Amino acid sequence: MSRFGKPDLKKRPEDRDRIRTRGYTLPNLFIFITPLNINNLLGLLLYKVSLKTSFTLSLLTN
């Protein structure tokens, strides 16, 4: 019988969804990449905010 045979899925049908998720198949890669994506998004957000504030300050000082 294969690793994910029909009898196994009949016993525990929730495994059918868990097998297909990326976090279950590559947990280490998922854990490693997710914080990097969050850091990049936060960095871009802060960069845009700093550009806006510096632009408004330059307008106010002139």
N, C-alpha and C. Protein backbone atom coordinates (compact mmCIF):
# COMPACT_ATOMS: atom_id res chain seq x y z
N MET A 1 0.86 -1.18 0.00
CA MET A 1 0.00 0.00 0.00
C MET A 1 0.90 1.24 0.00
N SER A 2 0.50 2.25 -0.73
CA SER A 2 1.31 3.46 -0.83
C SER A 2 1.23 4.26 0.47
N ARG A 3 2.05 5.29 0.52
CA ARG A 3 2.13 6.08 1.75
C ARG A 3 0.81 6.78 2.06
N PHE A 4 0.18 7.34 1.03
CA PHE A 4 -1.10 8.02 1.21
C PHE A 4 -2.19 7.25 0.48
N GLY A 5 -2.35 6.02 0.83
CA GLY A 5 -3.36 5.19 0.18
C GLY A 5 -4.76 5.57 0.60
N LYS A 6 -5.73 5.00 -0.09
CA LYS A 6 -7.13 5.33 0.20
C LYS A 6 -7.54 4.97 1.63
N PRO A 7 -7.14 3.83 2.17
CA PRO A 7 -7.55 3.54 3.55
C PRO A 7 -7.06 4.59 4.55
N ASP A 8 -5.85 5.13 4.32
CA ASP A 8 -5.34 6.16 5.23
C ASP A 8 -6.19 7.42 5.15
N LEU A 9 -6.59 7.79 3.94
CA LEU A 9 -7.38 9.01 3.78
C LEU A 9 -8.81 8.80 4.28
N LYS A 10 -9.28 7.58 4.25
CA LYS A 10 -10.62 7.32 4.80
C LYS A 10 -10.60 7.41 6.32
N LYS A 11 -9.49 6.98 6.91
CA LYS A 11 -9.39 7.07 8.37
C LYS A 11 -9.30 8.52 8.82
N ARG A 12 -8.48 9.30 8.12
CA ARG A 12 -8.26 10.69 8.51
C ARG A 12 -8.41 11.58 7.28
N PRO A 13 -9.62 12.02 6.97
CA PRO A 13 -9.81 12.83 5.75
C PRO A 13 -9.18 14.21 5.82
N GLU A 14 -8.84 14.70 7.03
CA GLU A 14 -8.22 16.02 7.11
C GLU A 14 -6.82 16.02 6.52
N ASP A 15 -6.20 14.82 6.42
CA ASP A 15 -4.87 14.73 5.82
C ASP A 15 -4.90 15.06 4.34
N ARG A 16 -6.03 14.87 3.70
CA ARG A 16 -6.12 15.12 2.27
C ARG A 16 -5.82 16.58 1.96
N ASP A 17 -6.32 17.49 2.80
CA ASP A 17 -6.05 18.91 2.59
C ASP A 17 -4.64 19.29 3.05
N ARG A 18 -4.21 18.67 4.12
CA ARG A 18 -2.91 19.04 4.69
C ARG A 18 -1.76 18.63 3.78
N ILE A 19 -1.94 17.54 3.04
CA ILE A 19 -0.88 17.05 2.16
C ILE A 19 -0.62 18.06 1.05
N ARG A 20 -1.65 18.75 0.61
CA ARG A 20 -1.52 19.64 -0.55
C ARG A 20 -1.01 21.03 -0.20
N THR A 21 -0.97 21.36 1.06
CA THR A 21 -0.56 22.72 1.42
C THR A 21 0.95 22.86 1.36
N ARG A 22 1.41 24.05 1.02
CA ARG A 22 2.84 24.30 0.87
C ARG A 22 3.53 24.27 2.23
N GLY A 23 2.87 24.75 3.25
CA GLY A 23 3.47 24.77 4.57
C GLY A 23 3.71 23.38 5.13
N TYR A 24 2.93 22.42 4.68
CA TYR A 24 3.11 21.06 5.17
C TYR A 24 4.20 20.34 4.39
N THR A 25 4.28 20.58 3.07
CA THR A 25 5.27 19.86 2.27
C THR A 25 6.66 20.44 2.45
N LEU A 26 6.77 21.76 2.58
CA LEU A 26 8.08 22.38 2.76
C LEU A 26 8.05 23.28 4.00
N PRO A 27 7.95 22.72 5.20
CA PRO A 27 7.78 23.57 6.38
C PRO A 27 8.98 24.47 6.67
N ASN A 28 10.20 23.93 6.48
CA ASN A 28 11.38 24.73 6.80
C ASN A 28 11.52 25.91 5.84
N LEU A 29 11.27 25.67 4.57
CA LEU A 29 11.36 26.74 3.58
C LEU A 29 10.29 27.78 3.82
N PHE A 30 9.10 27.34 4.18
CA PHE A 30 7.99 28.26 4.44
C PHE A 30 8.28 29.13 5.65
N ILE A 31 8.83 28.53 6.69
CA ILE A 31 9.15 29.27 7.91
C ILE A 31 10.27 30.27 7.64
N PHE A 32 11.20 29.92 6.74
CA PHE A 32 12.34 30.79 6.45
C PHE A 32 11.94 31.96 5.55
N ILE A 33 11.08 31.72 4.57
CA ILE A 33 10.75 32.74 3.57
C ILE A 33 9.72 33.74 4.10
N THR A 34 8.78 33.30 4.91
CA THR A 34 7.70 34.19 5.36
C THR A 34 8.22 35.41 6.13
N PRO A 35 9.14 35.29 7.10
CA PRO A 35 9.65 36.50 7.76
C PRO A 35 10.39 37.42 6.80
N LEU A 36 11.07 36.85 5.80
CA LEU A 36 11.77 37.69 4.83
C LEU A 36 10.78 38.53 4.04
N ASN A 37 9.67 37.93 3.63
CA ASN A 37 8.66 38.67 2.89
C ASN A 37 8.05 39.77 3.75
N ILE A 38 7.79 39.47 5.01
CA ILE A 38 7.21 40.47 5.92
C ILE A 38 8.19 41.62 6.12
N ASN A 39 9.49 41.30 6.27
CA ASN A 39 10.48 42.35 6.45
C ASN A 39 10.59 43.23 5.22
N ASN A 40 10.53 42.63 4.03
CA ASN A 40 10.60 43.42 2.80
C ASN A 40 9.40 44.34 2.68
N LEU A 41 8.22 43.85 3.00
CA LEU A 41 7.03 44.68 2.91
C LEU A 41 7.08 45.83 3.90
N LEU A 42 7.54 45.55 5.11
CA LEU A 42 7.65 46.62 6.11
C LEU A 42 8.69 47.65 5.69
N GLY A 43 9.79 47.18 5.11
CA GLY A 43 10.83 48.10 4.65
C GLY A 43 10.31 49.01 3.56
N LEU A 44 9.55 48.46 2.61
CA LEU A 44 8.99 49.29 1.55
C LEU A 44 7.99 50.30 2.10
N LEU A 45 7.20 49.86 3.06
CA LEU A 45 6.21 50.76 3.66
C LEU A 45 6.90 51.92 4.37
N LEU A 46 7.92 51.62 5.16
CA LEU A 46 8.63 52.67 5.88
C LEU A 46 9.37 53.59 4.92
N TYR A 47 9.88 53.04 3.82
CA TYR A 47 10.58 53.85 2.83
C TYR A 47 9.62 54.85 2.19
N LYS A 48 8.41 54.39 1.86
CA LYS A 48 7.43 55.30 1.27
C LYS A 48 7.01 56.37 2.26
N VAL A 49 6.83 55.99 3.51
CA VAL A 49 6.44 56.97 4.53
C VAL A 49 7.54 58.00 4.72
N SER A 50 8.79 57.56 4.73
CA SER A 50 9.89 58.51 4.92
C SER A 50 10.01 59.44 3.71
N LEU A 51 9.75 58.94 2.50
CA LEU A 51 9.78 59.80 1.33
C LEU A 51 8.69 60.87 1.41
N LYS A 52 7.51 60.48 1.84
CA LYS A 52 6.41 61.44 1.94
C LYS A 52 6.71 62.50 2.99
N THR A 53 7.23 62.09 4.13
CA THR A 53 7.51 63.06 5.18
C THR A 53 8.64 63.99 4.78
N SER A 54 9.66 63.46 4.12
CA SER A 54 10.76 64.33 3.70
C SER A 54 10.29 65.31 2.63
N PHE A 55 9.40 64.87 1.76
CA PHE A 55 8.88 65.75 0.72
C PHE A 55 8.04 66.88 1.33
N THR A 56 7.19 66.53 2.28
CA THR A 56 6.35 67.57 2.91
C THR A 56 7.21 68.52 3.74
N LEU A 57 8.23 68.01 4.40
CA LEU A 57 9.12 68.89 5.17
C LEU A 57 9.88 69.83 4.25
N SER A 58 10.30 69.34 3.10
CA SER A 58 11.03 70.22 2.17
C SER A 58 10.10 71.30 1.62
N LEU A 59 8.83 70.97 1.43
CA LEU A 59 7.88 71.98 0.96
C LEU A 59 7.63 73.04 2.04
N LEU A 60 7.56 72.58 3.28
CA LEU A 60 7.28 73.51 4.38
C LEU A 60 8.46 74.44 4.66
N THR A 61 9.67 73.93 4.50
CA THR A 61 10.84 74.75 4.83
C THR A 61 11.14 75.76 3.74
N ASN A 62 10.73 75.51 2.51
CA ASN A 62 11.00 76.47 1.42
C ASN A 62 10.05 77.55 1.46
